[in-house]
Amino acid sequence: MALRYIGIDPNTGDGNCPAVWVDELNNDLVLQGWRADDATRAECLTIGAIPDTEDVIRIPARMVPLIREACDRAERA
């Protein structure tokens, strides 16, 4: 795996999360975010199950420019 770091939440207090990367081998986006609260998870579950290998995460709207940059980089590859 070769992850290209795109950026981190500009308002992060401890410098750890949320963050965005692009996997340069397959152009997947890799997102680190806050685990969603129970109410958010419950609403997501109305659409279908969340497998044990997956989770619902929350990324703040202020990170949209970083996610756009990651999407653009993945599409150009």
PDB file of N, CA and C in Angstrom:
ATOM      1  N   MET A   1       0.849  -1.169   0.000  1.00  0.00           N
ATOM      2  CA  MET A   1       0.000   0.000   0.000  1.00  0.00           C
ATOM      3  C   MET A   1       0.896   1.233   0.000  1.00  0.00           C
ATOM      4  N   ALA A   2       0.505   2.219  -0.797  1.00  0.00           N
ATOM      5  CA  ALA A   2       1.235   3.479  -0.866  1.00  0.00           C
ATOM      6  C   ALA A   2       0.233   4.608  -0.676  1.00  0.00           C
ATOM      7  N   LEU A   3       0.072   5.050   0.552  1.00  0.00           N
ATOM      8  CA  LEU A   3      -0.906   6.098   0.829  1.00  0.00           C
ATOM      9  C   LEU A   3      -0.301   7.477   0.631  1.00  0.00           C
ATOM     10  N   ARG A   4      -1.027   8.309  -0.106  1.00  0.00           N
ATOM     11  CA  ARG A   4      -0.635   9.713  -0.260  1.00  0.00           C
ATOM     12  C   ARG A   4      -1.522  10.524   0.670  1.00  0.00           C
ATOM     13  N   TYR A   5      -0.896  11.155   1.629  1.00  0.00           N
ATOM     14  CA  TYR A   5      -1.613  11.984   2.598  1.00  0.00           C
ATOM     15  C   TYR A   5      -2.124  13.221   1.884  1.00  0.00           C
ATOM     16  N   ILE A   6      -3.430  13.493   2.032  1.00  0.00           N
ATOM     17  CA  ILE A   6      -4.034  14.675   1.427  1.00  0.00           C
ATOM     18  C   ILE A   6      -4.192  15.783   2.458  1.00  0.00           C
ATOM     19  N   GLY A   7      -4.702  15.448   3.624  1.00  0.00           N
ATOM     20  CA  GLY A   7      -4.853  16.489   4.629  1.00  0.00           C
ATOM     21  C   GLY A   7      -5.633  16.022   5.837  1.00  0.00           C
ATOM     22  N   ILE A   8      -5.661  16.904   6.813  1.00  0.00           N
ATOM     23  CA  ILE A   8      -6.331  16.645   8.085  1.00  0.00           C
ATOM     24  C   ILE A   8      -7.295  17.790   8.363  1.00  0.00           C
ATOM     25  N   ASP A   9      -8.301  17.534   9.149  1.00  0.00           N
ATOM     26  CA  ASP A   9      -9.262  18.550   9.549  1.00  0.00           C
ATOM     27  C   ASP A   9      -8.500  19.786  10.027  1.00  0.00           C
ATOM     28  N   PRO A  10      -8.725  20.937   9.388  1.00  0.00           N
ATOM     29  CA  PRO A  10      -7.986  22.136   9.781  1.00  0.00           C
ATOM     30  C   PRO A  10      -8.290  22.600  11.201  1.00  0.00           C
ATOM     31  N   ASN A  11      -9.374  22.121  11.776  1.00  0.00           N
ATOM     32  CA  ASN A  11      -9.732  22.518  13.140  1.00  0.00           C
ATOM     33  C   ASN A  11      -9.390  21.450  14.174  1.00  0.00           C
ATOM     34  N   THR A  12      -8.634  20.443  13.792  1.00  0.00           N
ATOM     35  CA  THR A  12      -8.307  19.383  14.735  1.00  0.00           C
ATOM     36  C   THR A  12      -7.467  19.949  15.877  1.00  0.00           C
ATOM     37  N   GLY A  13      -7.791  19.527  17.063  1.00  0.00           N
ATOM     38  CA  GLY A  13      -7.074  20.032  18.220  1.00  0.00           C
ATOM     39  C   GLY A  13      -5.825  19.235  18.538  1.00  0.00           C
ATOM     40  N   ASP A  14      -5.862  17.924  18.303  1.00  0.00           N
ATOM     41  CA  ASP A  14      -4.730  17.092  18.682  1.00  0.00           C
ATOM     42  C   ASP A  14      -3.929  16.586  17.494  1.00  0.00           C
ATOM     43  N   GLY A  15      -4.321  16.983  16.284  1.00  0.00           N
ATOM     44  CA  GLY A  15      -3.561  16.626  15.103  1.00  0.00           C
ATOM     45  C   GLY A  15      -3.736  15.199  14.625  1.00  0.00           C
ATOM     46  N   ASN A  16      -4.792  14.503  15.043  1.00  0.00           N
ATOM     47  CA  ASN A  16      -4.937  13.103  14.667  1.00  0.00           C
ATOM     48  C   ASN A  16      -6.089  12.811  13.722  1.00  0.00           C
ATOM     49  N   CYS A  17      -7.181  13.526  13.815  1.00  0.00           N
ATOM     50  CA  CYS A  17      -8.381  13.070  13.131  1.00  0.00           C
ATOM     51  C   CYS A  17      -9.311  14.237  12.893  1.00  0.00           C
ATOM     52  N   PRO A  18     -10.151  14.179  11.921  1.00  0.00           N
ATOM     53  CA  PRO A  18     -10.230  13.282  10.782  1.00  0.00           C
ATOM     54  C   PRO A  18      -9.140  13.592   9.745  1.00  0.00           C
ATOM     55  N   ALA A  19      -8.896  12.637   8.874  1.00  0.00           N
ATOM     56  CA  ALA A  19      -7.855  12.791   7.863  1.00  0.00           C
ATOM     57  C   ALA A  19      -8.254  12.048   6.588  1.00  0.00           C
ATOM     58  N   VAL A  20      -7.600  12.422   5.481  1.00  0.00           N
ATOM     59  CA  VAL A  20      -7.898  11.851   4.171  1.00  0.00           C
ATOM     60  C   VAL A  20      -6.594  11.467   3.474  1.00  0.00           C
ATOM     61  N   TRP A  21      -6.597  10.270   2.873  1.00  0.00           N
ATOM     62  CA  TRP A  21      -5.480   9.789   2.054  1.00  0.00           C
ATOM     63  C   TRP A  21      -6.032   9.229   0.746  1.00  0.00           C
ATOM     64  N   VAL A  22      -5.157   9.054  -0.247  1.00  0.00           N
ATOM     65  CA  VAL A  22      -5.482   8.304  -1.461  1.00  0.00           C
ATOM     66  C   VAL A  22      -4.479   7.162  -1.552  1.00  0.00           C
ATOM     67  N   ASP A  23      -4.986   5.942  -1.761  1.00  0.00           N
ATOM     68  CA  ASP A  23      -4.123   4.778  -1.979  1.00  0.00           C
ATOM     69  C   ASP A  23      -3.650   4.847  -3.423  1.00  0.00           C
ATOM     70  N   GLU A  24      -2.369   5.069  -3.633  1.00  0.00           N
ATOM     71  CA  GLU A  24      -1.840   5.261  -4.976  1.00  0.00           C
ATOM     72  C   GLU A  24      -1.785   3.976  -5.796  1.00  0.00           C
ATOM     73  N   LEU A  25      -2.005   2.834  -5.172  1.00  0.00           N
ATOM     74  CA  LEU A  25      -2.004   1.581  -5.928  1.00  0.00           C
ATOM     75  C   LEU A  25      -3.345   1.318  -6.612  1.00  0.00           C
ATOM     76  N   ASN A  26      -4.459   1.697  -5.959  1.00  0.00           N
ATOM     77  CA  ASN A  26      -5.767   1.422  -6.548  1.00  0.00           C
ATOM     78  C   ASN A  26      -6.701   2.643  -6.566  1.00  0.00           C
ATOM     79  N   ASN A  27      -6.187   3.785  -6.099  1.00  0.00           N
ATOM     80  CA  ASN A  27      -6.919   5.058  -6.078  1.00  0.00           C
ATOM     81  C   ASN A  27      -8.126   5.070  -5.145  1.00  0.00           C
ATOM     82  N   ASP A  28      -8.171   4.156  -4.192  1.00  0.00           N
ATOM     83  CA  ASP A  28      -9.204   4.197  -3.161  1.00  0.00           C
ATOM     84  C   ASP A  28      -8.970   5.400  -2.252  1.00  0.00           C
ATOM     85  N   LEU A  29     -10.041   5.953  -1.724  1.00  0.00           N
ATOM     86  CA  LEU A  29      -9.927   6.978  -0.696  1.00  0.00           C
ATOM     87  C   LEU A  29      -9.878   6.281   0.651  1.00  0.00           C
ATOM     88  N   VAL A  30      -9.015   6.755   1.522  1.00  0.00           N
ATOM     89  CA  VAL A  30      -8.910   6.236   2.880  1.00  0.00           C
ATOM     90  C   VAL A  30      -9.264   7.394   3.806  1.00  0.00           C
ATOM     91  N   LEU A  31     -10.309   7.189   4.605  1.00  0.00           N
ATOM     92  CA  LEU A  31     -10.813   8.251   5.475  1.00  0.00           C
ATOM     93  C   LEU A  31     -10.727   7.822   6.930  1.00  0.00           C
ATOM     94  N   GLN A  32     -10.226   8.709   7.756  1.00  0.00           N
ATOM     95  CA  GLN A  32     -10.254   8.511   9.200  1.00  0.00           C
ATOM     96  C   GLN A  32     -11.215   9.558   9.740  1.00  0.00           C
ATOM     97  N   GLY A  33     -12.201   9.120  10.510  1.00  0.00           N
ATOM     98  CA  GLY A  33     -13.177  10.062  11.024  1.00  0.00           C
ATOM     99  C   GLY A  33     -13.667   9.658  12.391  1.00  0.00           C
ATOM    100  N   TRP A  34     -14.607  10.431  12.881  1.00  0.00           N
ATOM    101  CA  TRP A  34     -15.195  10.139  14.182  1.00  0.00           C
ATOM    102  C   TRP A  34     -16.231   9.044  14.007  1.00  0.00           C
ATOM    103  N   ARG A  35     -16.239   8.065  14.887  1.00  0.00           N
ATOM    104  CA  ARG A  35     -17.280   7.040  14.856  1.00  0.00           C
ATOM    105  C   ARG A  35     -18.619   7.734  15.060  1.00  0.00           C
ATOM    106  N   ALA A  36     -19.569   7.384  14.216  1.00  0.00           N
ATOM    107  CA  ALA A  36     -20.885   8.023  14.279  1.00  0.00           C
ATOM    108  C   ALA A  36     -21.591   7.673  15.584  1.00  0.00           C
ATOM    109  N   ASP A  37     -22.425   8.602  16.040  1.00  0.00           N
ATOM    110  CA  ASP A  37     -23.198   8.373  17.261  1.00  0.00           C
ATOM    111  C   ASP A  37     -24.310   7.367  16.979  1.00  0.00           C
ATOM    112  N   ASP A  38     -24.937   6.881  18.045  1.00  0.00           N
ATOM    113  CA  ASP A  38     -25.960   5.843  17.924  1.00  0.00           C
ATOM    114  C   ASP A  38     -27.136   6.279  17.054  1.00  0.00           C
ATOM    115  N   ALA A  39     -27.544   7.528  17.155  1.00  0.00           N
ATOM    116  CA  ALA A  39     -28.677   8.002  16.360  1.00  0.00           C
ATOM    117  C   ALA A  39     -28.340   7.978  14.862  1.00  0.00           C
ATOM    118  N   THR A  40     -27.131   8.389  14.517  1.00  0.00           N
ATOM    119  CA  THR A  40     -26.706   8.373  13.116  1.00  0.00           C
ATOM    120  C   THR A  40     -26.624   6.949  12.605  1.00  0.00           C
ATOM    121  N   ARG A  41     -26.022   6.062  13.411  1.00  0.00           N
ATOM    122  CA  ARG A  41     -25.927   4.646  13.018  1.00  0.00           C
ATOM    123  C   ARG A  41     -27.318   4.048  12.822  1.00  0.00           C
ATOM    124  N   ALA A  42     -28.251   4.368  13.731  1.00  0.00           N
ATOM    125  CA  ALA A  42     -29.607   3.837  13.635  1.00  0.00           C
ATOM    126  C   ALA A  42     -30.273   4.285  12.340  1.00  0.00           C
ATOM    127  N   GLU A  43     -30.086   5.548  11.978  1.00  0.00           N
ATOM    128  CA  GLU A  43     -30.682   6.031  10.735  1.00  0.00           C
ATOM    129  C   GLU A  43     -30.053   5.345   9.525  1.00  0.00           C
ATOM    130  N   CYS A  44     -28.753   5.132   9.548  1.00  0.00           N
ATOM    131  CA  CYS A  44     -28.077   4.422   8.453  1.00  0.00           C
ATOM    132  C   CYS A  44     -28.575   2.981   8.354  1.00  0.00           C
ATOM    133  N   LEU A  45     -28.878   2.379   9.482  1.00  0.00           N
ATOM    134  CA  LEU A  45     -29.354   0.998   9.495  1.00  0.00           C
ATOM    135  C   LEU A  45     -30.741   0.849   8.876  1.00  0.00           C
ATOM    136  N   THR A  46     -31.469   1.951   8.695  1.00  0.00           N
ATOM    137  CA  THR A  46     -32.767   1.852   8.032  1.00  0.00           C
ATOM    138  C   THR A  46     -32.611   1.510   6.556  1.00  0.00           C
ATOM    139  N   ILE A  47     -31.432   1.716   6.002  1.00  0.00           N
ATOM    140  CA  ILE A  47     -31.152   1.394   4.599  1.00  0.00           C
ATOM    141  C   ILE A  47     -30.666  -0.041   4.462  1.00  0.00           C
ATOM    142  N   GLY A  48     -29.923  -0.523   5.451  1.00  0.00           N
ATOM    143  CA  GLY A  48     -29.396  -1.882   5.408  1.00  0.00           C
ATOM    144  C   GLY A  48     -28.410  -2.106   6.537  1.00  0.00           C
ATOM    145  N   ALA A  49     -27.936  -3.329   6.627  1.00  0.00           N
ATOM    146  CA  ALA A  49     -27.011  -3.714   7.700  1.00  0.00           C
ATOM    147  C   ALA A  49     -25.648  -3.046   7.525  1.00  0.00           C
ATOM    148  N   ILE A  50     -24.943  -2.909   8.627  1.00  0.00           N
ATOM    149  CA  ILE A  50     -23.556  -2.461   8.615  1.00  0.00           C
ATOM    150  C   ILE A  50     -22.714  -3.682   8.981  1.00  0.00           C
ATOM    151  N   PRO A  51     -21.988  -4.258   8.019  1.00  0.00           N
ATOM    152  CA  PRO A  51     -21.203  -5.460   8.311  1.00  0.00           C
ATOM    153  C   PRO A  51     -20.169  -5.217   9.408  1.00  0.00           C
ATOM    154  N   ASP A  52     -19.759  -6.286  10.062  1.00  0.00           N
ATOM    155  CA  ASP A  52     -18.752  -6.184  11.130  1.00  0.00           C
ATOM    156  C   ASP A  52     -17.449  -5.572  10.641  1.00  0.00           C
ATOM    157  N   THR A  53     -17.180  -5.681   9.352  1.00  0.00           N
ATOM    158  CA  THR A  53     -15.928  -5.149   8.797  1.00  0.00           C
ATOM    159  C   THR A  53     -16.044  -3.684   8.398  1.00  0.00           C
ATOM    160  N   GLU A  54     -17.206  -3.075   8.629  1.00  0.00           N
ATOM    161  CA  GLU A  54     -17.425  -1.682   8.249  1.00  0.00           C
ATOM    162  C   GLU A  54     -17.946  -0.884   9.436  1.00  0.00           C
ATOM    163  N   ASP A  55     -17.921   0.433   9.293  1.00  0.00           N
ATOM    164  CA  ASP A  55     -18.512   1.296  10.303  1.00  0.00           C
ATOM    165  C   ASP A  55     -18.967   2.575   9.629  1.00  0.00           C
ATOM    166  N   VAL A  56     -19.797   3.315  10.298  1.00  0.00           N
ATOM    167  CA  VAL A  56     -20.242   4.619   9.835  1.00  0.00           C
ATOM    168  C   VAL A  56     -19.344   5.644  10.510  1.00  0.00           C
ATOM    169  N   ILE A  57     -18.761   6.526   9.710  1.00  0.00           N
ATOM    170  CA  ILE A  57     -17.915   7.577  10.271  1.00  0.00           C
ATOM    171  C   ILE A  57     -18.478   8.927   9.874  1.00  0.00           C
ATOM    172  N   ARG A  58     -18.095   9.936  10.619  1.00  0.00           N
ATOM    173  CA  ARG A  58     -18.549  11.292  10.333  1.00  0.00           C
ATOM    174  C   ARG A  58     -17.323  12.144  10.021  1.00  0.00           C
ATOM    175  N   ILE A  59     -17.416  12.858   8.889  1.00  0.00           N
ATOM    176  CA  ILE A  59     -16.369  13.770   8.447  1.00  0.00           C
ATOM    177  C   ILE A  59     -16.987  15.167   8.424  1.00  0.00           C
ATOM    178  N   PRO A  60     -16.365  16.160   9.044  1.00  0.00           N
ATOM    179  CA  PRO A  60     -16.970  17.487   9.079  1.00  0.00           C
ATOM    180  C   PRO A  60     -17.003  18.147   7.694  1.00  0.00           C
ATOM    181  N   ALA A  61     -18.033  18.949   7.463  1.00  0.00           N
ATOM    182  CA  ALA A  61     -18.209  19.629   6.176  1.00  0.00           C
ATOM    183  C   ALA A  61     -17.002  20.492   5.812  1.00  0.00           C
ATOM    184  N   ARG A  62     -16.298  21.002   6.801  1.00  0.00           N
ATOM    185  CA  ARG A  62     -15.136  21.851   6.507  1.00  0.00           C
ATOM    186  C   ARG A  62     -14.025  21.072   5.801  1.00  0.00           C
ATOM    187  N   MET A  63     -14.138  19.738   5.752  1.00  0.00           N
ATOM    188  CA  MET A  63     -13.127  18.927   5.066  1.00  0.00           C
ATOM    189  C   MET A  63     -13.491  18.637   3.613  1.00  0.00           C
ATOM    190  N   VAL A  64     -14.617  19.166   3.137  1.00  0.00           N
ATOM    191  CA  VAL A  64     -15.028  18.930   1.750  1.00  0.00           C
ATOM    192  C   VAL A  64     -13.911  19.288   0.762  1.00  0.00           C
ATOM    193  N   PRO A  65     -13.201  20.421   0.911  1.00  0.00           N
ATOM    194  CA  PRO A  65     -12.121  20.720  -0.036  1.00  0.00           C
ATOM    195  C   PRO A  65     -11.030  19.632  -0.062  1.00  0.00           C
ATOM    196  N   LEU A  66     -10.715  19.056   1.091  1.00  0.00           N
ATOM    197  CA  LEU A  66      -9.707  17.993   1.124  1.00  0.00           C
ATOM    198  C   LEU A  66     -10.221  16.728   0.449  1.00  0.00           C
ATOM    199  N   ILE A  67     -11.490  16.420   0.654  1.00  0.00           N
ATOM    200  CA  ILE A  67     -12.066  15.235   0.021  1.00  0.00           C
ATOM    201  C   ILE A  67     -12.140  15.449  -1.487  1.00  0.00           C
ATOM    202  N   ARG A  68     -12.481  16.669  -1.918  1.00  0.00           N
ATOM    203  CA  ARG A  68     -12.485  16.991  -3.354  1.00  0.00           C
ATOM    204  C   ARG A  68     -11.092  16.799  -3.949  1.00  0.00           C
ATOM    205  N   GLU A  69     -10.082  17.286  -3.238  1.00  0.00           N
ATOM    206  CA  GLU A  69      -8.708  17.130  -3.710  1.00  0.00           C
ATOM    207  C   GLU A  69      -8.347  15.651  -3.836  1.00  0.00           C
ATOM    208  N   ALA A  70      -8.741  14.855  -2.855  1.00  0.00           N
ATOM    209  CA  ALA A  70      -8.460  13.417  -2.909  1.00  0.00           C
ATOM    210  C   ALA A  70      -9.191  12.770  -4.084  1.00  0.00           C
ATOM    211  N   CYS A  71     -10.441  13.138  -4.315  1.00  0.00           N
ATOM    212  CA  CYS A  71     -11.198  12.596  -5.445  1.00  0.00           C
ATOM    213  C   CYS A  71     -10.548  12.990  -6.767  1.00  0.00           C
ATOM    214  N   ASP A  72     -10.145  14.239  -6.892  1.00  0.00           N
ATOM    215  CA  ASP A  72      -9.488  14.695  -8.112  1.00  0.00           C
ATOM    216  C   ASP A  72      -8.196  13.926  -8.371  1.00  0.00           C
ATOM    217  N   ARG A  73      -7.415  13.731  -7.322  1.00  0.00           N
ATOM    218  CA  ARG A  73      -6.151  12.997  -7.462  1.00  0.00           C
ATOM    219  C   ARG A  73      -6.419  11.554  -7.888  1.00  0.00           C
ATOM    220  N   ALA A  74      -7.435  10.938  -7.303  1.00  0.00           N
ATOM    221  CA  ALA A  74      -7.764   9.542  -7.648  1.00  0.00           C
ATOM    222  C   ALA A  74      -8.238   9.457  -9.097  1.00  0.00           C
ATOM    223  N   GLU A  75      -9.026  10.413  -9.542  1.00  0.00           N
ATOM    224  CA  GLU A  75      -9.529  10.385 -10.924  1.00  0.00           C
ATOM    225  C   GLU A  75      -8.425  10.641 -11.946  1.00  0.00           C
ATOM    226  N   ARG A  76      -7.447  11.447 -11.605  1.00  0.00           N
ATOM    227  CA  ARG A  76      -6.351  11.753 -12.541  1.00  0.00           C
ATOM    228  C   ARG A  76      -5.411  10.575 -12.706  1.00  0.00           C
ATOM    229  N   ALA A  77      -5.388   9.693 -11.735  1.00  0.00           N
ATOM    230  CA  ALA A  77      -4.416   8.585 -11.786  1.00  0.00           C
ATOM    231  C   ALA A  77      -4.753   7.588 -12.885  1.00  0.00           C
TER     232      ALA A  77
END
